[in-house]
PDB file of N, CA and C in Angstrom:
ATOM      1  N   MET A   1       0.842  -0.904  -0.019  1.00  0.00           N
ATOM      2  CA  MET A   1       0.187   0.217   0.208  1.00  0.00           C
ATOM      3  C   MET A   1       0.747   1.517   0.077  1.00  0.00           C
ATOM      4  N   SER A   2       0.068   2.035  -0.917  1.00  0.00           N
ATOM      5  CA  SER A   2       1.520   3.622  -1.332  1.00  0.00           C
ATOM      6  C   SER A   2       1.399   3.957   0.756  1.00  0.00           C
ATOM      7  N   ARG A   3       2.243   4.991   0.282  1.00  0.00           N
ATOM      8  CA  ARG A   3       1.996   6.007   1.813  1.00  0.00           C
ATOM      9  C   ARG A   3       1.014   6.946   1.234  1.00  0.00           C
ATOM     10  N   GLU A   4       0.446   7.022   0.575  1.00  0.00           N
ATOM     11  CA  GLU A   4      -0.507   8.120   0.906  1.00  0.00           C
ATOM     12  C   GLU A   4      -2.077   7.707   1.010  1.00  0.00           C
ATOM     13  N   LYS A   5      -1.663   6.302   0.632  1.00  0.00           N
ATOM     14  CA  LYS A   5      -3.355   5.056   0.992  1.00  0.00           C
ATOM     15  C   LYS A   5      -3.156   5.244   2.062  1.00  0.00           C
ATOM     16  N   GLY A   6      -2.515   4.816   2.696  1.00  0.00           N
ATOM     17  CA  GLY A   6      -1.555   4.584   4.421  1.00  0.00           C
ATOM     18  C   GLY A   6      -2.224   5.901   5.356  1.00  0.00           C
ATOM     19  N   LYS A   7      -1.616   7.048   4.606  1.00  0.00           N
ATOM     20  CA  LYS A   7      -2.544   8.367   6.029  1.00  0.00           C
ATOM     21  C   LYS A   7      -4.004   8.570   5.054  1.00  0.00           C
ATOM     22  N   GLU A   8      -4.645   8.276   4.459  1.00  0.00           N
ATOM     23  CA  GLU A   8      -5.437   8.522   3.851  1.00  0.00           C
ATOM     24  C   GLU A   8      -6.483   7.559   4.758  1.00  0.00           C
ATOM     25  N   GLY A   9      -5.404   6.031   5.096  1.00  0.00           N
ATOM     26  CA  GLY A   9      -6.897   4.972   5.992  1.00  0.00           C
ATOM     27  C   GLY A   9      -6.803   5.842   7.798  1.00  0.00           C
ATOM     28  N   GLU A  10      -5.072   6.218   7.994  1.00  0.00           N
ATOM     29  CA  GLU A  10      -5.256   7.021   9.762  1.00  0.00           C
ATOM     30  C   GLU A  10      -5.700   8.243   9.985  1.00  0.00           C
ATOM     31  N   ASN A  11      -5.860   9.015   8.467  1.00  0.00           N
ATOM     32  CA  ASN A  11      -6.871  10.080   8.875  1.00  0.00           C
ATOM     33  C   ASN A  11      -8.923  10.082   8.652  1.00  0.00           C
ATOM     34  N   LEU A  12      -8.965   8.998   7.520  1.00  0.00           N
ATOM     35  CA  LEU A  12      -9.995   8.296   8.419  1.00  0.00           C
ATOM     36  C   LEU A  12     -10.697   7.506   9.758  1.00  0.00           C
ATOM     37  N   ALA A  13      -8.921   7.490  10.440  1.00  0.00           N
ATOM     38  CA  ALA A  13      -9.477   6.128  11.349  1.00  0.00           C
ATOM     39  C   ALA A  13      -9.390   7.631  12.834  1.00  0.00           C
ATOM     40  N   CYS A  14      -9.043   8.962  11.824  1.00  0.00           N
ATOM     41  CA  CYS A  14      -9.751  10.114  13.293  1.00  0.00           C
ATOM     42  C   CYS A  14     -10.453  10.390  13.212  1.00  0.00           C
ATOM     43  N   LEU A  15     -10.873  10.292  12.589  1.00  0.00           N
ATOM     44  CA  LEU A  15     -12.243  11.286  12.124  1.00  0.00           C
ATOM     45  C   LEU A  15     -13.090  10.284  12.612  1.00  0.00           C
ATOM     46  N   PHE A  16     -12.579   8.996  12.994  1.00  0.00           N
ATOM     47  CA  PHE A  16     -13.482   8.363  13.295  1.00  0.00           C
ATOM     48  C   PHE A  16     -13.388   8.380  14.591  1.00  0.00           C
ATOM     49  N   LEU A  17     -12.582   8.027  15.316  1.00  0.00           N
ATOM     50  CA  LEU A  17     -12.326   8.012  16.567  1.00  0.00           C
ATOM     51  C   LEU A  17     -12.810   9.447  18.057  1.00  0.00           C
ATOM     52  N   GLU A  18     -12.526  10.277  16.478  1.00  0.00           N
ATOM     53  CA  GLU A  18     -13.503  11.539  17.172  1.00  0.00           C
ATOM     54  C   GLU A  18     -14.648  11.671  17.416  1.00  0.00           C
ATOM     55  N   GLN A  19     -15.909  11.324  16.234  1.00  0.00           N
ATOM     56  CA  GLN A  19     -16.666  11.042  16.285  1.00  0.00           C
ATOM     57  C   GLN A  19     -16.621  10.567  16.987  1.00  0.00           C
ATOM     58  N   ASN A  20     -16.518   9.198  17.926  1.00  0.00           N
ATOM     59  CA  ASN A  20     -16.904   8.528  19.200  1.00  0.00           C
ATOM     60  C   ASN A  20     -16.758   8.607  20.017  1.00  0.00           C
ATOM     61  N   GLY A  21     -15.897   9.690  20.338  1.00  0.00           N
ATOM     62  CA  GLY A  21     -15.623  10.663  22.020  1.00  0.00           C
ATOM     63  C   GLY A  21     -14.182   9.684  22.458  1.00  0.00           C
ATOM     64  N   PHE A  22     -13.710   9.784  21.604  1.00  0.00           N
ATOM     65  CA  PHE A  22     -11.432   9.860  21.470  1.00  0.00           C
ATOM     66  C   PHE A  22     -11.171  10.835  21.336  1.00  0.00           C
ATOM     67  N   GLU A  23      -9.841  10.982  22.320  1.00  0.00           N
ATOM     68  CA  GLU A  23      -9.331  12.686  21.663  1.00  0.00           C
ATOM     69  C   GLU A  23      -7.561  12.533  21.343  1.00  0.00           C
ATOM     70  N   ILE A  24      -7.881  12.277  19.985  1.00  0.00           N
ATOM     71  CA  ILE A  24      -6.437  12.043  19.648  1.00  0.00           C
ATOM     72  C   ILE A  24      -5.621  12.934  20.244  1.00  0.00           C
ATOM     73  N   ILE A  25      -4.512  12.051  21.158  1.00  0.00           N
ATOM     74  CA  ILE A  25      -3.488  12.264  21.836  1.00  0.00           C
ATOM     75  C   ILE A  25      -2.144  12.562  20.577  1.00  0.00           C
ATOM     76  N   GLU A  26      -1.902  11.684  19.798  1.00  0.00           N
ATOM     77  CA  GLU A  26      -0.633  11.836  18.775  1.00  0.00           C
ATOM     78  C   GLU A  26      -1.054  10.566  18.017  1.00  0.00           C
ATOM     79  N   ARG A  27       0.008  11.150  17.047  1.00  0.00           N
ATOM     80  CA  ARG A  27      -0.297   9.957  15.858  1.00  0.00           C
ATOM     81  C   ARG A  27       1.172   9.635  15.248  1.00  0.00           C
ATOM     82  N   ASN A  28       1.584   8.533  14.694  1.00  0.00           N
ATOM     83  CA  ASN A  28       3.252   8.618  14.553  1.00  0.00           C
ATOM     84  C   ASN A  28       3.993   8.529  15.217  1.00  0.00           C
ATOM     85  N   PHE A  29       3.962   7.588  16.531  1.00  0.00           N
ATOM     86  CA  PHE A  29       4.478   7.543  17.661  1.00  0.00           C
ATOM     87  C   PHE A  29       5.624   6.764  16.647  1.00  0.00           C
ATOM     88  N   PHE A  30       6.986   7.203  16.557  1.00  0.00           N
ATOM     89  CA  PHE A  30       8.039   6.197  16.268  1.00  0.00           C
ATOM     90  C   PHE A  30       8.863   5.383  17.413  1.00  0.00           C
ATOM     91  N   ALA A  31       9.345   4.207  17.393  1.00  0.00           N
ATOM     92  CA  ALA A  31      10.275   4.354  19.172  1.00  0.00           C
ATOM     93  C   ALA A  31      11.145   3.352  18.228  1.00  0.00           C
ATOM     94  N   LYS A  32      12.468   2.629  18.918  1.00  0.00           N
ATOM     95  CA  LYS A  32      13.274   1.894  18.252  1.00  0.00           C
ATOM     96  C   LYS A  32      12.547   0.479  17.454  1.00  0.00           C
ATOM     97  N   TYR A  33      11.282  -0.344  18.147  1.00  0.00           N
ATOM     98  CA  TYR A  33      11.095  -1.414  17.619  1.00  0.00           C
ATOM     99  C   TYR A  33       9.365  -1.101  16.308  1.00  0.00           C
ATOM    100  N   GLY A  34       9.448   0.133  16.151  1.00  0.00           N
ATOM    101  CA  GLY A  34       8.571   0.353  15.400  1.00  0.00           C
ATOM    102  C   GLY A  34       7.419   1.746  15.755  1.00  0.00           C
ATOM    103  N   GLU A  35       6.706   1.844  15.247  1.00  0.00           N
ATOM    104  CA  GLU A  35       5.562   2.750  14.355  1.00  0.00           C
ATOM    105  C   GLU A  35       3.857   2.372  15.450  1.00  0.00           C
ATOM    106  N   ILE A  36       3.188   3.391  16.516  1.00  0.00           N
ATOM    107  CA  ILE A  36       2.348   3.653  17.088  1.00  0.00           C
ATOM    108  C   ILE A  36       1.496   4.452  15.781  1.00  0.00           C
ATOM    109  N   ASP A  37       0.374   3.954  15.214  1.00  0.00           N
ATOM    110  CA  ASP A  37      -0.304   4.819  14.345  1.00  0.00           C
ATOM    111  C   ASP A  37      -0.883   5.905  14.934  1.00  0.00           C
ATOM    112  N   ILE A  38      -1.426   5.922  16.363  1.00  0.00           N
ATOM    113  CA  ILE A  38      -2.340   6.675  16.574  1.00  0.00           C
ATOM    114  C   ILE A  38      -2.711   6.252  18.168  1.00  0.00           C
ATOM    115  N   ILE A  39      -2.641   7.546  18.862  1.00  0.00           N
ATOM    116  CA  ILE A  39      -2.659   7.359  20.330  1.00  0.00           C
ATOM    117  C   ILE A  39      -3.841   8.261  21.219  1.00  0.00           C
ATOM    118  N   ALA A  40      -5.156   7.575  21.299  1.00  0.00           N
ATOM    119  CA  ALA A  40      -5.831   8.565  21.575  1.00  0.00           C
ATOM    120  C   ALA A  40      -5.738   7.928  23.536  1.00  0.00           C
ATOM    121  N   THR A  41      -7.806   9.179  24.163  1.00  0.00           N
ATOM    122  CA  THR A  41      -7.613   8.831  25.120  1.00  0.00           C
ATOM    123  C   THR A  41      -9.144   8.189  24.857  1.00  0.00           C
ATOM    124  N   LYS A  42      -9.829   8.500  26.038  1.00  0.00           N
ATOM    125  CA  LYS A  42     -11.771   8.280  26.003  1.00  0.00           C
ATOM    126  C   LYS A  42     -11.804   7.403  27.136  1.00  0.00           C
ATOM    127  N   ASP A  43     -11.846   8.159  28.000  1.00  0.00           N
ATOM    128  CA  ASP A  43     -13.097   7.604  29.550  1.00  0.00           C
ATOM    129  C   ASP A  43     -11.715   6.995  30.579  1.00  0.00           C
ATOM    130  N   ASP A  44     -10.343   7.713  30.577  1.00  0.00           N
ATOM    131  CA  ASP A  44      -9.494   7.781  31.253  1.00  0.00           C
ATOM    132  C   ASP A  44      -8.399   6.930  30.195  1.00  0.00           C
ATOM    133  N   VAL A  45      -9.467   6.039  29.987  1.00  0.00           N
ATOM    134  CA  VAL A  45      -7.834   4.992  28.984  1.00  0.00           C
ATOM    135  C   VAL A  45      -7.031   4.937  27.813  1.00  0.00           C
ATOM    136  N   LEU A  46      -6.394   4.855  27.723  1.00  0.00           N
ATOM    137  CA  LEU A  46      -5.190   5.891  26.954  1.00  0.00           C
ATOM    138  C   LEU A  46      -5.642   4.403  25.456  1.00  0.00           C
ATOM    139  N   HIS A  47      -5.693   4.780  24.583  1.00  0.00           N
ATOM    140  CA  HIS A  47      -5.433   3.712  23.081  1.00  0.00           C
ATOM    141  C   HIS A  47      -4.690   3.665  22.205  1.00  0.00           C
ATOM    142  N   PHE A  48      -3.873   2.481  22.114  1.00  0.00           N
ATOM    143  CA  PHE A  48      -3.140   2.460  21.590  1.00  0.00           C
ATOM    144  C   PHE A  48      -3.359   1.488  20.131  1.00  0.00           C
ATOM    145  N   VAL A  49      -3.572   2.418  19.402  1.00  0.00           N
ATOM    146  CA  VAL A  49      -4.200   2.258  17.894  1.00  0.00           C
ATOM    147  C   VAL A  49      -3.375   1.742  16.798  1.00  0.00           C
ATOM    148  N   GLU A  50      -3.224   0.553  16.485  1.00  0.00           N
ATOM    149  CA  GLU A  50      -2.918  -0.222  14.932  1.00  0.00           C
ATOM    150  C   GLU A  50      -3.723  -0.205  13.738  1.00  0.00           C
ATOM    151  N   VAL A  51      -3.392   0.790  12.807  1.00  0.00           N
ATOM    152  CA  VAL A  51      -4.928   1.306  11.854  1.00  0.00           C
ATOM    153  C   VAL A  51      -4.329   0.242  10.600  1.00  0.00           C
ATOM    154  N   LYS A  52      -4.995  -0.154   9.849  1.00  0.00           N
ATOM    155  CA  LYS A  52      -5.038  -1.230   9.418  1.00  0.00           C
ATOM    156  C   LYS A  52      -6.559  -0.854   7.951  1.00  0.00           C
ATOM    157  N   SER A  53      -5.782  -0.375   7.108  1.00  0.00           N
ATOM    158  CA  SER A  53      -6.841  -0.558   5.768  1.00  0.00           C
ATOM    159  C   SER A  53      -6.367  -1.188   4.304  1.00  0.00           C
ATOM    160  N   GLY A  54      -6.871  -1.403   3.301  1.00  0.00           N
ATOM    161  CA  GLY A  54      -7.396  -1.915   1.976  1.00  0.00           C
ATOM    162  C   GLY A  54      -8.180  -1.934   1.442  1.00  0.00           C
ATOM    163  N   GLU A  55      -8.589  -2.184   0.771  1.00  0.00           N
ATOM    164  CA  GLU A  55      -9.876  -2.192  -0.340  1.00  0.00           C
ATOM    165  C   GLU A  55      -9.907  -3.939  -0.976  1.00  0.00           C
ATOM    166  N   ASN A  56      -8.600  -4.274  -1.763  1.00  0.00           N
ATOM    167  CA  ASN A  56      -9.122  -5.223  -2.115  1.00  0.00           C
ATOM    168  C   ASN A  56      -8.994  -6.668  -1.336  1.00  0.00           C
ATOM    169  N   PHE A  57      -8.605  -6.708  -0.531  1.00  0.00           N
ATOM    170  CA  PHE A  57      -8.635  -7.942   1.173  1.00  0.00           C
ATOM    171  C   PHE A  57      -8.987  -7.434   1.828  1.00  0.00           C
ATOM    172  N   GLU A  58      -8.720  -8.737   3.239  1.00  0.00           N
ATOM    173  CA  GLU A  58      -9.029  -7.784   4.525  1.00  0.00           C
ATOM    174  C   GLU A  58      -7.859  -7.174   5.359  1.00  0.00           C
ATOM    175  N   PRO A  59      -7.624  -5.658   5.442  1.00  0.00           N
ATOM    176  CA  PRO A  59      -7.170  -5.804   6.127  1.00  0.00           C
ATOM    177  C   PRO A  59      -6.510  -6.192   7.490  1.00  0.00           C
ATOM    178  N   ILE A  60      -7.400  -6.639   8.548  1.00  0.00           N
ATOM    179  CA  ILE A  60      -6.993  -7.656   9.844  1.00  0.00           C
ATOM    180  C   ILE A  60      -5.521  -8.347   8.671  1.00  0.00           C
ATOM    181  N   MET A  61      -5.402  -8.760   8.041  1.00  0.00           N
ATOM    182  CA  MET A  61      -4.743  -9.939   7.741  1.00  0.00           C
ATOM    183  C   MET A  61      -3.202  -9.825   8.234  1.00  0.00           C
ATOM    184  N   ASN A  62      -2.928  -8.550   7.734  1.00  0.00           N
ATOM    185  CA  ASN A  62      -1.055  -7.497   7.270  1.00  0.00           C
ATOM    186  C   ASN A  62      -1.763  -7.378   9.928  1.00  0.00           C
ATOM    187  N   LEU A  63      -2.295  -7.952  10.015  1.00  0.00           N
ATOM    188  CA  LEU A  63      -1.509  -7.407  11.426  1.00  0.00           C
ATOM    189  C   LEU A  63      -1.041  -8.467  11.927  1.00  0.00           C
ATOM    190  N   THR A  64       0.149  -9.175  11.688  1.00  0.00           N
ATOM    191  CA  THR A  64       0.202 -10.114  12.429  1.00  0.00           C
ATOM    192  C   THR A  64       1.485 -10.679  13.816  1.00  0.00           C
ATOM    193  N   ALA A  65       1.418 -11.146  14.554  1.00  0.00           N
ATOM    194  CA  ALA A  65       1.885 -11.592  15.401  1.00  0.00           C
ATOM    195  C   ALA A  65       3.126 -10.748  15.561  1.00  0.00           C
ATOM    196  N   GLN A  66       4.125 -11.095  14.893  1.00  0.00           N
ATOM    197  CA  GLN A  66       5.241  -9.872  14.788  1.00  0.00           C
ATOM    198  C   GLN A  66       4.738  -8.809  15.089  1.00  0.00           C
ATOM    199  N   LYS A  67       4.566  -8.276  14.144  1.00  0.00           N
ATOM    200  CA  LYS A  67       3.484  -6.817  14.067  1.00  0.00           C
ATOM    201  C   LYS A  67       3.206  -6.873  15.458  1.00  0.00           C
ATOM    202  N   LEU A  68       2.130  -7.375  15.784  1.00  0.00           N
ATOM    203  CA  LEU A  68       1.376  -7.305  17.578  1.00  0.00           C
ATOM    204  C   LEU A  68       2.669  -6.688  18.313  1.00  0.00           C
ATOM    205  N   GLN A  69       3.282  -7.726  18.420  1.00  0.00           N
ATOM    206  CA  GLN A  69       4.754  -7.802  19.805  1.00  0.00           C
ATOM    207  C   GLN A  69       5.710  -6.751  19.705  1.00  0.00           C
ATOM    208  N   LYS A  70       5.882  -5.787  18.000  1.00  0.00           N
ATOM    209  CA  LYS A  70       6.825  -4.767  17.774  1.00  0.00           C
ATOM    210  C   LYS A  70       5.740  -4.176  19.131  1.00  0.00           C
ATOM    211  N   LEU A  71       4.537  -3.976  18.394  1.00  0.00           N
ATOM    212  CA  LEU A  71       3.277  -2.433  19.570  1.00  0.00           C
ATOM    213  C   LEU A  71       3.094  -2.898  20.754  1.00  0.00           C
ATOM    214  N   ILE A  72       3.359  -3.799  21.352  1.00  0.00           N
ATOM    215  CA  ILE A  72       3.298  -4.025  22.489  1.00  0.00           C
ATOM    216  C   ILE A  72       4.594  -3.303  23.434  1.00  0.00           C
ATOM    217  N   LYS A  73       6.288  -3.625  22.355  1.00  0.00           N
ATOM    218  CA  LYS A  73       7.108  -3.343  22.851  1.00  0.00           C
ATOM    219  C   LYS A  73       7.561  -1.349  23.195  1.00  0.00           C
ATOM    220  N   ALA A  74       6.390  -1.438  21.410  1.00  0.00           N
ATOM    221  CA  ALA A  74       5.984   0.241  20.969  1.00  0.00           C
ATOM    222  C   ALA A  74       5.269   0.787  22.203  1.00  0.00           C
ATOM    223  N   THR A  75       4.975   0.067  22.544  1.00  0.00           N
ATOM    224  CA  THR A  75       3.897   1.240  23.368  1.00  0.00           C
ATOM    225  C   THR A  75       4.452   1.545  25.671  1.00  0.00           C
ATOM    226  N   HIS A  76       5.250  -0.005  25.395  1.00  0.00           N
ATOM    227  CA  HIS A  76       5.431   0.159  26.399  1.00  0.00           C
ATOM    228  C   HIS A  76       6.341   1.219  26.576  1.00  0.00           C
ATOM    229  N   ILE A  77       7.419   1.181  25.281  1.00  0.00           N
ATOM    230  CA  ILE A  77       8.327   2.369  25.472  1.00  0.00           C
ATOM    231  C   ILE A  77       7.602   4.204  25.712  1.00  0.00           C
ATOM    232  N   TYR A  78       6.618   3.874  24.538  1.00  0.00           N
ATOM    233  CA  TYR A  78       5.835   5.119  25.249  1.00  0.00           C
ATOM    234  C   TYR A  78       5.411   5.144  26.194  1.00  0.00           C
ATOM    235  N   LEU A  79       4.729   4.141  27.791  1.00  0.00           N
ATOM    236  CA  LEU A  79       4.535   4.685  29.130  1.00  0.00           C
ATOM    237  C   LEU A  79       5.775   5.079  29.528  1.00  0.00           C
ATOM    238  N   THR A  80       7.045   4.369  29.070  1.00  0.00           N
ATOM    239  CA  THR A  80       7.655   4.457  30.241  1.00  0.00           C
ATOM    240  C   THR A  80       8.135   5.947  29.845  1.00  0.00           C
ATOM    241  N   LYS A  81       8.920   6.315  28.512  1.00  0.00           N
ATOM    242  CA  LYS A  81       9.508   7.852  28.085  1.00  0.00           C
ATOM    243  C   LYS A  81       8.430   8.972  28.392  1.00  0.00           C
ATOM    244  N   HIS A  82       7.030   8.628  28.766  1.00  0.00           N
ATOM    245  CA  HIS A  82       6.214   9.174  28.830  1.00  0.00           C
ATOM    246  C   HIS A  82       5.536   9.985  30.593  1.00  0.00           C
ATOM    247  N   ARG A  83       5.997   8.622  31.399  1.00  0.00           N
ATOM    248  CA  ARG A  83       6.352   7.903  32.373  1.00  0.00           C
ATOM    249  C   ARG A  83       4.698   7.582  33.344  1.00  0.00           C
ATOM    250  N   LEU A  84       3.696   6.839  32.430  1.00  0.00           N
ATOM    251  CA  LEU A  84       2.227   7.763  32.670  1.00  0.00           C
ATOM    252  C   LEU A  84       2.639   5.829  33.187  1.00  0.00           C
ATOM    253  N   ALA A  85       1.314   6.066  34.390  1.00  0.00           N
ATOM    254  CA  ALA A  85       0.553   4.933  34.472  1.00  0.00           C
ATOM    255  C   ALA A  85      -1.133   4.723  34.112  1.00  0.00           C
ATOM    256  N   ASN A  86      -1.193   5.332  33.320  1.00  0.00           N
ATOM    257  CA  ASN A  86      -2.369   5.371  32.817  1.00  0.00           C
ATOM    258  C   ASN A  86      -3.011   3.648  32.352  1.00  0.00           C
ATOM    259  N   VAL A  87      -4.203   3.444  32.514  1.00  0.00           N
ATOM    260  CA  VAL A  87      -4.709   2.077  32.285  1.00  0.00           C
ATOM    261  C   VAL A  87      -4.586   2.239  30.502  1.00  0.00           C
ATOM    262  N   TYR A  88      -4.196   0.584  30.194  1.00  0.00           N
ATOM    263  CA  TYR A  88      -4.783   1.562  29.076  1.00  0.00           C
ATOM    264  C   TYR A  88      -4.731   0.100  28.446  1.00  0.00           C
ATOM    265  N   CYS A  89      -5.137  -0.055  26.408  1.00  0.00           N
ATOM    266  CA  CYS A  89      -5.334  -1.071  25.198  1.00  0.00           C
ATOM    267  C   CYS A  89      -4.952  -0.653  24.586  1.00  0.00           C
ATOM    268  N   ILE A  90      -4.613  -2.609  23.465  1.00  0.00           N
ATOM    269  CA  ILE A  90      -4.024  -1.661  22.155  1.00  0.00           C
ATOM    270  C   ILE A  90      -4.714  -2.292  21.077  1.00  0.00           C
ATOM    271  N   ASP A  91      -5.454  -0.925  20.709  1.00  0.00           N
ATOM    272  CA  ASP A  91      -6.917  -1.679  19.692  1.00  0.00           C
ATOM    273  C   ASP A  91      -6.345  -2.027  17.797  1.00  0.00           C
ATOM    274  N   ALA A  92      -6.832  -2.050  17.903  1.00  0.00           N
ATOM    275  CA  ALA A  92      -6.950  -2.094  15.718  1.00  0.00           C
ATOM    276  C   ALA A  92      -8.036  -1.607  14.802  1.00  0.00           C
ATOM    277  N   LEU A  93      -7.850  -1.108  14.079  1.00  0.00           N
ATOM    278  CA  LEU A  93      -9.282  -0.015  13.616  1.00  0.00           C
ATOM    279  C   LEU A  93      -8.930  -0.264  12.389  1.00  0.00           C
ATOM    280  N   ILE A  94      -9.527  -0.989  11.694  1.00  0.00           N
ATOM    281  CA  ILE A  94     -10.199  -1.285  10.111  1.00  0.00           C
ATOM    282  C   ILE A  94     -10.284  -0.661   9.158  1.00  0.00           C
ATOM    283  N   VAL A  95      -9.953   0.128   8.367  1.00  0.00           N
ATOM    284  CA  VAL A  95     -10.643   0.511   7.184  1.00  0.00           C
ATOM    285  C   VAL A  95     -10.685  -0.077   6.490  1.00  0.00           C
ATOM    286  N   LYS A  96     -11.639  -0.005   5.289  1.00  0.00           N
ATOM    287  CA  LYS A  96     -12.168  -0.859   4.586  1.00  0.00           C
ATOM    288  C   LYS A  96     -12.880  -0.254   3.764  1.00  0.00           C
ATOM    289  N   ARG A  97     -13.000  -0.085   2.515  1.00  0.00           N
ATOM    290  CA  ARG A  97     -14.243   0.755   1.473  1.00  0.00           C
ATOM    291  C   ARG A  97     -15.365   1.682   2.458  1.00  0.00           C
ATOM    292  N   GLY A  98     -13.411   2.657   2.969  1.00  0.00           N
ATOM    293  CA  GLY A  98     -14.604   4.309   3.579  1.00  0.00           C
ATOM    294  C   GLY A  98     -15.338   3.880   4.388  1.00  0.00           C
ATOM    295  N   GLN A  99     -15.803   2.141   4.633  1.00  0.00           N
ATOM    296  CA  GLN A  99     -15.912   2.110   6.374  1.00  0.00           C
ATOM    297  C   GLN A  99     -15.061   1.474   7.376  1.00  0.00           C
ATOM    298  N   CYS A 100     -15.137   2.272   8.764  1.00  0.00           N
ATOM    299  CA  CYS A 100     -13.950   1.919   9.735  1.00  0.00           C
ATOM    300  C   CYS A 100     -15.164   0.595  10.882  1.00  0.00           C
ATOM    301  N   GLU A 101     -13.750  -0.032  11.642  1.00  0.00           N
ATOM    302  CA  GLU A 101     -14.065  -1.539  12.672  1.00  0.00           C
ATOM    303  C   GLU A 101     -13.257  -0.843  13.570  1.00  0.00           C
ATOM    304  N   LEU A 102     -13.333  -0.666  14.872  1.00  0.00           N
ATOM    305  CA  LEU A 102     -12.996  -0.551  16.253  1.00  0.00           C
ATOM    306  C   LEU A 102     -12.926  -1.959  16.469  1.00  0.00           C
ATOM    307  N   ILE A 103     -11.297  -2.433  16.956  1.00  0.00           N
ATOM    308  CA  ILE A 103     -11.643  -3.913  17.270  1.00  0.00           C
ATOM    309  C   ILE A 103     -10.693  -3.670  18.291  1.00  0.00           C
ATOM    310  N   GLU A 104     -11.477  -3.784  19.790  1.00  0.00           N
ATOM    311  CA  GLU A 104     -10.906  -3.268  20.734  1.00  0.00           C
ATOM    312  C   GLU A 104      -9.875  -4.047  21.887  1.00  0.00           C
ATOM    313  N   ASN A 105      -8.381  -3.418  22.376  1.00  0.00           N
ATOM    314  CA  ASN A 105      -7.826  -4.403  22.944  1.00  0.00           C
ATOM    315  C   ASN A 105      -7.440  -6.205  22.731  1.00  0.00           C
ATOM    316  N   ILE A 106      -7.239  -6.184  21.521  1.00  0.00           N
ATOM    317  CA  ILE A 106      -6.112  -6.692  20.583  1.00  0.00           C
ATOM    318  C   ILE A 106      -5.285  -8.111  21.160  1.00  0.00           C
ATOM    319  N   THR A 107      -4.571  -7.395  22.106  1.00  0.00           N
ATOM    320  CA  THR A 107      -3.857  -7.997  22.825  1.00  0.00           C
ATOM    321  C   THR A 107      -3.999  -9.100  24.329  1.00  0.00           C
ATOM    322  N   MET A 108      -5.379  -9.284  24.737  1.00  0.00           N
ATOM    323  CA  MET A 108      -5.973 -10.011  25.564  1.00  0.00           C
ATOM    324  C   MET A 108      -5.721 -11.657  25.842  1.00  0.00           C
ATOM    325  N   GLY A 109      -5.510 -11.579  24.647  1.00  0.00           N
ATOM    326  CA  GLY A 109      -4.926 -13.095  24.534  1.00  0.00           C
ATOM    327  C   GLY A 109      -3.232 -13.516  24.284  1.00  0.00           C
ATOM    328  N   ALA A 110      -2.997 -12.460  24.048  1.00  0.00           N
ATOM    329  CA  ALA A 110      -1.229 -12.645  23.571  1.00  0.00           C
ATOM    330  C   ALA A 110      -0.389 -11.366  24.541  1.00  0.00           C
ATOM    331  N   LEU A 111      -0.321 -11.518  25.548  1.00  0.00           N
ATOM    332  CA  LEU A 111       0.639 -11.166  26.787  1.00  0.00           C
ATOM    333  C   LEU A 111       0.490 -12.108  28.054  1.00  0.00           C
TER     334      LEU A 111
END
């Protein structure tokens, strides 16, 4: 997927989150192990959101176990760097054909 398409998907994801009561804290946080697409908060919970988008395939299929482990490590780096002890979860936001679906707490069985 092109960078432009990826950015378009992230923009749609941010709009979707904001429309559903989330406050966007940061976008594209880079850490040694990878990138966190969106960091948002809602109801005093930090949400680390991985955006997957695509048109002619199921975008969730690009969320591999390896990617998830990198996301977990990047999340811990963010929390440490900002000295945060907030309740948090790692979510996936799927963008397909202009529609968004939020899947919350995708790491529940992975830790």
